[in-house]
Each structure stands twice: as C-alpha cells, then as structure tokens.
C-alpha cells in the first residue's frame, strides 16, 4: 500500500502516459501564441509535474537532469503568472526543448537498464519514448534533423515495436540501437546548450 498522501502507479500503466508531457508543451505553446498567459503557465506546470513523477525515485544523473528541468519550468510558469515575465515564444520553445531532451536522455537510460535486466517489453516502451522526445525536442529548437539523427530515431522506433511485440529482434541489434539514439541525444543536448548561450 502507498503511504498516506501518496498514490502508487504501476510502471506498465504509467508507460501509457509517456506522451502526455509532450502534449502539455504543445498546449502551452499554442496558449502563449494566442495570448493566454495563465493557460501557458498551467500547462507548463502540468508538464513539470509529469517530469517530477517520472524521475521521483531516481538519483541517477539522468533523473536529476529531469528534476532540474521540471524546476526551471515551474520557475518560468511562476513568472508568467506573476506578470513579470519578458519571455518570448523563443524562450518557451527553448525551455520545452531542454526539458524534452532531458526526458529523452532519461528514457534512453531507462531503456538500457531494462534491456540489461532482460525486460524487453519495458525497454521497448522507454526506447520509443526516447526517440519521440528527441524528435519533439529538435522540433521545438527548430533544428533540422541530421541524417544520423533521423536514422537513429527511425531505428529506435522499429526496435521498440519488435521489443513490444516480442519477436524478430537480435540481441546485438537492440544494444546498438539503444546506444545510437543515446549518442544522438548527447549531441543534441550540446547543441541546445550552445543555442541557449547564443540567445542570452
């Protein structure tokens, strides 16, 4: 049973909600473009809550990066609600991209850990989420995907389907696919750091 004030959620059920964080970012962006500052802040806070839940029990570097991004989103939401924000749509997109790339890295690490524990189905869920979040992060940063990144994302999704179906995958193929998308996430995160520096 969960302690008082807490709710236990089965990880398999939680995996069905992995797309929700990205949807909150989409809604926040749309609200900001239409001048609905309060709705923007609410959606950013919802995204931050999802991220906190995702990384709540972890102490790995990837978990801490997700928690930091959640904190940054909450700070941005608070500034928007207070009416003291001077942020533009570029700032909203950058914050969203940074958060999504942190999630992508977190998901890739989880996929690798699950694979090492021979939990193929769980690995498939996290691998798909890593690919989806990397693509979303690139879109928010307005980066054109390189051929290597596109290939890694496409391969990760194909592998994810195989892992979820439980058929037609080779052991070396899965390890290579997880590593490949992880490498592209690292490259993207360095690019997004440089983008943030340029905009300051």
C-alpha atoms as a PDB file:
ATOM      1  CA  UNK A   1       0.000   0.000   0.000  1.00  0.00           C
ATOM      2  CA  UNK A   2       1.056   3.584  -0.597  1.00  0.00           C
ATOM      3  CA  UNK A   3       1.910   5.860   2.377  1.00  0.00           C
ATOM      4  CA  UNK A   4      -0.778   8.414   3.309  1.00  0.00           C
ATOM      5  CA  UNK A   5      -0.883  11.233   0.775  1.00  0.00           C
ATOM      6  CA  UNK A   6       0.742   9.152  -1.977  1.00  0.00           C
ATOM      7  CA  UNK A   7      -0.558   7.190  -4.914  1.00  0.00           C
ATOM      8  CA  UNK A   8       1.164   4.105  -6.292  1.00  0.00           C
ATOM      9  CA  UNK A   9       1.052   3.731 -10.073  1.00  0.00           C
ATOM     10  CA  UNK A  10       2.101   0.545 -11.843  1.00  0.00           C
ATOM     11  CA  UNK A  11       5.035   1.306 -14.137  1.00  0.00           C
ATOM     12  CA  UNK A  12       3.428  -0.534 -17.018  1.00  0.00           C
ATOM     13  CA  UNK A  13       0.351   1.681 -16.690  1.00  0.00           C
ATOM     14  CA  UNK A  14       2.499   4.786 -16.355  1.00  0.00           C
ATOM     15  CA  UNK A  15       4.237   3.951 -19.633  1.00  0.00           C
ATOM     16  CA  UNK A  16       0.917   4.551 -21.388  1.00  0.00           C
ATOM     17  CA  UNK A  17       1.134   8.220 -20.305  1.00  0.00           C
ATOM     18  CA  UNK A  18       4.593   8.912 -21.696  1.00  0.00           C
ATOM     19  CA  UNK A  19       3.203  11.116 -24.482  1.00  0.00           C
ATOM     20  CA  UNK A  20       1.304  13.377 -22.086  1.00  0.00           C
ATOM     21  CA  UNK A  21       4.273  15.598 -21.216  1.00  0.00           C
ATOM     22  CA  UNK A  22       4.806  16.477 -24.860  1.00  0.00           C
ATOM     23  CA  UNK A  23       1.121  17.290 -25.247  1.00  0.00           C
ATOM     24  CA  UNK A  24       1.317  19.743 -22.342  1.00  0.00           C
ATOM     25  CA  UNK A  25       4.186  21.529 -24.078  1.00  0.00           C
ATOM     26  CA  UNK A  26       2.129  21.715 -27.290  1.00  0.00           C
ATOM     27  CA  UNK A  27      -0.801  23.224 -25.391  1.00  0.00           C
ATOM     28  CA  UNK A  28       1.468  25.685 -23.577  1.00  0.00           C
ATOM     29  CA  UNK A  29       2.911  26.895 -26.877  1.00  0.00           C
ATOM     30  CA  UNK A  30      -0.483  27.263 -28.503  1.00  0.00           C
ATOM     31  CA  UNK A  31      -1.831  29.181 -25.487  1.00  0.00           C
ATOM     32  CA  UNK A  32       1.162  31.542 -25.481  1.00  0.00           C
ATOM     33  CA  UNK A  33       0.750  32.294 -29.191  1.00  0.00           C
ATOM     34  CA  UNK A  34      -2.893  33.186 -28.525  1.00  0.00           C
ATOM     35  CA  UNK A  35      -2.018  35.455 -25.604  1.00  0.00           C
ATOM     36  CA  UNK A  36      -3.344  33.142 -22.890  1.00  0.00           C
ATOM     37  CA  UNK A  37      -0.569  33.547 -20.347  1.00  0.00           C
ATOM     38  CA  UNK A  38      -2.350  31.813 -17.476  1.00  0.00           C
ATOM     39  CA  UNK A  39      -3.106  28.734 -19.580  1.00  0.00           C
ATOM     40  CA  UNK A  40       0.525  28.668 -20.733  1.00  0.00           C
ATOM     41  CA  UNK A  41       1.698  28.633 -17.127  1.00  0.00           C
ATOM     42  CA  UNK A  42      -0.794  25.920 -16.144  1.00  0.00           C
ATOM     43  CA  UNK A  43       0.310  23.654 -18.987  1.00  0.00           C
ATOM     44  CA  UNK A  44       3.996  24.190 -18.172  1.00  0.00           C
ATOM     45  CA  UNK A  45       3.281  23.263 -14.560  1.00  0.00           C
ATOM     46  CA  UNK A  46       1.461  20.121 -15.659  1.00  0.00           C
ATOM     47  CA  UNK A  47       4.461  19.156 -17.786  1.00  0.00           C
ATOM     48  CA  UNK A  48       6.731  19.764 -14.794  1.00  0.00           C
ATOM     49  CA  UNK A  49       4.561  17.549 -12.580  1.00  0.00           C
ATOM     50  CA  UNK A  50       4.730  14.716 -15.113  1.00  0.00           C
ATOM     51  CA  UNK A  51       8.500  15.068 -15.206  1.00  0.00           C
ATOM     52  CA  UNK A  52       8.796  15.039 -11.425  1.00  0.00           C
ATOM     53  CA  UNK A  53       6.750  11.850 -11.243  1.00  0.00           C
ATOM     54  CA  UNK A  54       8.909  10.268 -13.952  1.00  0.00           C
ATOM     55  CA  UNK A  55      12.138  10.943 -12.052  1.00  0.00           C
ATOM     56  CA  UNK A  56      10.794  10.850  -8.492  1.00  0.00           C
ATOM     57  CA  UNK A  57      12.509   7.686  -7.294  1.00  0.00           C
ATOM     58  CA  UNK A  58      15.804   8.056  -9.109  1.00  0.00           C
ATOM     59  CA  UNK A  59      19.129   9.504  -8.081  1.00  0.00           C
ATOM     60  CA  UNK A  60      20.974   8.918 -11.319  1.00  0.00           C
ATOM     61  CA  UNK A  61      22.332  11.849 -13.289  1.00  0.00           C
ATOM     62  CA  UNK A  62      19.555  11.480 -15.868  1.00  0.00           C
ATOM     63  CA  UNK A  63      16.879  11.645 -13.127  1.00  0.00           C
ATOM     64  CA  UNK A  64      18.444  14.746 -11.601  1.00  0.00           C
ATOM     65  CA  UNK A  65      18.554  16.455 -15.001  1.00  0.00           C
ATOM     66  CA  UNK A  66      14.816  15.827 -15.422  1.00  0.00           C
ATOM     67  CA  UNK A  67      14.137  17.250 -11.956  1.00  0.00           C
ATOM     68  CA  UNK A  68      16.211  20.349 -12.769  1.00  0.00           C
ATOM     69  CA  UNK A  69      14.250  20.889 -15.973  1.00  0.00           C
ATOM     70  CA  UNK A  70      10.995  20.498 -14.041  1.00  0.00           C
ATOM     71  CA  UNK A  71      12.184  23.154 -11.584  1.00  0.00           C
ATOM     72  CA  UNK A  72      13.078  25.504 -14.463  1.00  0.00           C
ATOM     73  CA  UNK A  73       9.605  25.028 -15.961  1.00  0.00           C
ATOM     74  CA  UNK A  74       7.928  25.781 -12.645  1.00  0.00           C
ATOM     75  CA  UNK A  75      10.011  28.940 -12.262  1.00  0.00           C
ATOM     76  CA  UNK A  76       9.004  30.053 -15.763  1.00  0.00           C
ATOM     77  CA  UNK A  77       5.340  29.302 -15.041  1.00  0.00           C
ATOM     78  CA  UNK A  78       5.510  31.296 -11.810  1.00  0.00           C
ATOM     79  CA  UNK A  79       6.989  34.291 -13.628  1.00  0.00           C
ATOM     80  CA  UNK A  80       4.238  34.122 -16.239  1.00  0.00           C
ATOM     81  CA  UNK A  81       1.517  34.044 -13.579  1.00  0.00           C
ATOM     82  CA  UNK A  82       3.100  36.961 -11.704  1.00  0.00           C
ATOM     83  CA  UNK A  83       3.122  39.059 -14.846  1.00  0.00           C
ATOM     84  CA  UNK A  84       6.854  39.730 -14.541  1.00  0.00           C
ATOM     85  CA  UNK A  85       7.955  37.531 -17.407  1.00  0.00           C
ATOM     86  CA  UNK A  86       9.534  39.061 -20.505  1.00  0.00           C
ATOM     87  CA  UNK A  87       9.789  35.694 -22.218  1.00  0.00           C
ATOM     88  CA  UNK A  88       9.045  35.290 -25.908  1.00  0.00           C
ATOM     89  CA  UNK A  89       7.895  32.239 -27.857  1.00  0.00           C
ATOM     90  CA  UNK A  90      11.597  31.511 -28.461  1.00  0.00           C
ATOM     91  CA  UNK A  91      12.112  31.246 -24.694  1.00  0.00           C
ATOM     92  CA  UNK A  92       9.091  28.962 -24.305  1.00  0.00           C
ATOM     93  CA  UNK A  93      10.363  26.755 -27.109  1.00  0.00           C
ATOM     94  CA  UNK A  94      13.892  26.647 -25.675  1.00  0.00           C
ATOM     95  CA  UNK A  95      12.628  25.664 -22.208  1.00  0.00           C
ATOM     96  CA  UNK A  96      10.413  22.988 -23.749  1.00  0.00           C
ATOM     97  CA  UNK A  97      13.252  21.667 -25.891  1.00  0.00           C
ATOM     98  CA  UNK A  98      15.629  21.463 -22.948  1.00  0.00           C
ATOM     99  CA  UNK A  99      13.030  19.614 -20.886  1.00  0.00           C
ATOM    100  CA  UNK A 100      12.219  17.190 -23.709  1.00  0.00           C
ATOM    101  CA  UNK A 101      15.893  16.438 -24.314  1.00  0.00           C
ATOM    102  CA  UNK A 102      16.340  15.715 -20.602  1.00  0.00           C
ATOM    103  CA  UNK A 103      13.382  13.339 -20.813  1.00  0.00           C
ATOM    104  CA  UNK A 104      14.840  11.712 -23.934  1.00  0.00           C
ATOM    105  CA  UNK A 105      18.107  11.037 -22.119  1.00  0.00           C
ATOM    106  CA  UNK A 106      16.250   9.735 -19.077  1.00  0.00           C
ATOM    107  CA  UNK A 107      14.175   7.392 -21.251  1.00  0.00           C
ATOM    108  CA  UNK A 108      17.246   6.118 -23.099  1.00  0.00           C
ATOM    109  CA  UNK A 109      18.978   5.319 -19.801  1.00  0.00           C
ATOM    110  CA  UNK A 110      15.843   3.514 -18.612  1.00  0.00           C
ATOM    111  CA  UNK A 111      15.661   1.559 -21.880  1.00  0.00           C
ATOM    112  CA  UNK A 112      19.264   0.459 -21.474  1.00  0.00           C
ATOM    113  CA  UNK A 113      18.748  -0.558 -17.842  1.00  0.00           C
ATOM    114  CA  UNK A 114      15.601  -2.526 -18.662  1.00  0.00           C
ATOM    115  CA  UNK A 115      17.366  -4.297 -21.516  1.00  0.00           C
ATOM    116  CA  UNK A 116      20.238  -5.318 -19.237  1.00  0.00           C
ATOM    117  CA  UNK A 117      17.663  -6.764 -16.823  1.00  0.00           C
ATOM    118  CA  UNK A 118      16.132  -8.734 -19.741  1.00  0.00           C
ATOM    119  CA  UNK A 119      12.894  -6.772 -19.517  1.00  0.00           C
ATOM    120  CA  UNK A 120      12.396  -6.378 -23.252  1.00  0.00           C
ATOM    121  CA  UNK A 121       8.845  -5.041 -23.130  1.00  0.00           C
ATOM    122  CA  UNK A 122       9.723  -2.263 -20.704  1.00  0.00           C
ATOM    123  CA  UNK A 123      12.838  -1.453 -22.693  1.00  0.00           C
ATOM    124  CA  UNK A 124      10.671  -1.089 -25.794  1.00  0.00           C
ATOM    125  CA  UNK A 125       8.410   1.462 -24.097  1.00  0.00           C
ATOM    126  CA  UNK A 126      11.332   3.582 -22.945  1.00  0.00           C
ATOM    127  CA  UNK A 127      13.149   3.308 -26.271  1.00  0.00           C
ATOM    128  CA  UNK A 128      10.106   4.613 -28.132  1.00  0.00           C
ATOM    129  CA  UNK A 129       9.754   7.466 -25.639  1.00  0.00           C
ATOM    130  CA  UNK A 130      13.436   8.376 -26.073  1.00  0.00           C
ATOM    131  CA  UNK A 131      13.046   8.560 -29.850  1.00  0.00           C
ATOM    132  CA  UNK A 132       9.791  10.548 -29.649  1.00  0.00           C
ATOM    133  CA  UNK A 133      11.158  13.049 -27.142  1.00  0.00           C
ATOM    134  CA  UNK A 134      14.358  13.583 -29.118  1.00  0.00           C
ATOM    135  CA  UNK A 135      12.285  14.346 -32.210  1.00  0.00           C
ATOM    136  CA  UNK A 136       9.998  16.705 -30.265  1.00  0.00           C
ATOM    137  CA  UNK A 137      12.988  18.473 -28.693  1.00  0.00           C
ATOM    138  CA  UNK A 138      14.547  19.013 -32.118  1.00  0.00           C
ATOM    139  CA  UNK A 139      11.285  20.390 -33.458  1.00  0.00           C
ATOM    140  CA  UNK A 140      10.924  22.827 -30.557  1.00  0.00           C
ATOM    141  CA  UNK A 141      14.515  24.022 -31.043  1.00  0.00           C
ATOM    142  CA  UNK A 142      13.808  24.354 -34.776  1.00  0.00           C
ATOM    143  CA  UNK A 143      16.725  22.096 -35.587  1.00  0.00           C
ATOM    144  CA  UNK A 144      16.655  20.203 -38.838  1.00  0.00           C
ATOM    145  CA  UNK A 145      17.346  16.552 -38.081  1.00  0.00           C
ATOM    146  CA  UNK A 146      20.623  15.257 -39.455  1.00  0.00           C
ATOM    147  CA  UNK A 147      20.592  12.022 -41.425  1.00  0.00           C
ATOM    148  CA  UNK A 148      22.296  10.282 -38.481  1.00  0.00           C
ATOM    149  CA  UNK A 149      19.676  11.522 -36.009  1.00  0.00           C
ATOM    150  CA  UNK A 150      16.797  10.625 -38.316  1.00  0.00           C
ATOM    151  CA  UNK A 151      18.264   7.157 -38.802  1.00  0.00           C
ATOM    152  CA  UNK A 152      18.728   6.632 -35.055  1.00  0.00           C
ATOM    153  CA  UNK A 153      15.145   7.728 -34.331  1.00  0.00           C
ATOM    154  CA  UNK A 154      13.703   5.551 -37.072  1.00  0.00           C
ATOM    155  CA  UNK A 155      15.751   2.554 -35.960  1.00  0.00           C
ATOM    156  CA  UNK A 156      14.789   3.067 -32.310  1.00  0.00           C
ATOM    157  CA  UNK A 157      11.098   3.084 -33.207  1.00  0.00           C
ATOM    158  CA  UNK A 158      11.451  -0.073 -35.300  1.00  0.00           C
ATOM    159  CA  UNK A 159      13.285  -1.795 -32.452  1.00  0.00           C
ATOM    160  CA  UNK A 160      10.688  -0.600 -29.980  1.00  0.00           C
ATOM    161  CA  UNK A 161       7.932  -2.265 -31.994  1.00  0.00           C
ATOM    162  CA  UNK A 162       9.904  -5.506 -32.099  1.00  0.00           C
ATOM    163  CA  UNK A 163      10.540  -5.419 -28.352  1.00  0.00           C
ATOM    164  CA  UNK A 164       6.897  -4.683 -27.574  1.00  0.00           C
ATOM    165  CA  UNK A 165       5.749  -7.466 -29.895  1.00  0.00           C
ATOM    166  CA  UNK A 166       8.376  -9.835 -28.523  1.00  0.00           C
ATOM    167  CA  UNK A 167       9.530 -11.006 -31.943  1.00  0.00           C
ATOM    168  CA  UNK A 168      12.168 -10.645 -34.661  1.00  0.00           C
ATOM    169  CA  UNK A 169      14.989  -8.829 -32.884  1.00  0.00           C
ATOM    170  CA  UNK A 170      18.642  -9.711 -32.462  1.00  0.00           C
ATOM    171  CA  UNK A 171      20.448  -9.100 -29.166  1.00  0.00           C
ATOM    172  CA  UNK A 172      23.256  -7.067 -30.718  1.00  0.00           C
ATOM    173  CA  UNK A 173      20.746  -5.063 -32.743  1.00  0.00           C
ATOM    174  CA  UNK A 174      18.948  -3.832 -29.629  1.00  0.00           C
ATOM    175  CA  UNK A 175      22.102  -2.797 -27.803  1.00  0.00           C
ATOM    176  CA  UNK A 176      23.353  -0.944 -30.866  1.00  0.00           C
ATOM    177  CA  UNK A 177      20.023   0.831 -31.345  1.00  0.00           C
ATOM    178  CA  UNK A 178      19.853   1.998 -27.734  1.00  0.00           C
ATOM    179  CA  UNK A 179      23.442   3.277 -27.895  1.00  0.00           C
ATOM    180  CA  UNK A 180      22.851   5.022 -31.219  1.00  0.00           C
ATOM    181  CA  UNK A 181      19.872   7.053 -30.033  1.00  0.00           C
ATOM    182  CA  UNK A 182      21.765   7.850 -26.822  1.00  0.00           C
ATOM    183  CA  UNK A 183      24.652   9.256 -28.847  1.00  0.00           C
ATOM    184  CA  UNK A 184      22.306  11.471 -30.846  1.00  0.00           C
ATOM    185  CA  UNK A 185      20.646  12.717 -27.655  1.00  0.00           C
ATOM    186  CA  UNK A 186      24.047  13.711 -26.263  1.00  0.00           C
ATOM    187  CA  UNK A 187      24.896  15.579 -29.465  1.00  0.00           C
ATOM    188  CA  UNK A 188      21.577  17.380 -29.377  1.00  0.00           C
ATOM    189  CA  UNK A 189      21.980  18.384 -25.734  1.00  0.00           C
ATOM    190  CA  UNK A 190      25.319  20.007 -26.509  1.00  0.00           C
ATOM    191  CA  UNK A 191      23.717  21.891 -29.391  1.00  0.00           C
ATOM    192  CA  UNK A 192      20.871  23.106 -27.201  1.00  0.00           C
ATOM    193  CA  UNK A 193      23.354  24.382 -24.592  1.00  0.00           C
ATOM    194  CA  UNK A 194      25.061  26.404 -27.316  1.00  0.00           C
ATOM    195  CA  UNK A 195      21.681  27.696 -28.523  1.00  0.00           C
ATOM    196  CA  UNK A 196      20.774  28.850 -25.034  1.00  0.00           C
ATOM    197  CA  UNK A 197      24.115  30.647 -24.705  1.00  0.00           C
ATOM    198  CA  UNK A 198      23.621  32.401 -28.055  1.00  0.00           C
ATOM    199  CA  UNK A 199      20.193  33.697 -27.021  1.00  0.00           C
ATOM    200  CA  UNK A 200      21.383  35.241 -23.786  1.00  0.00           C
END
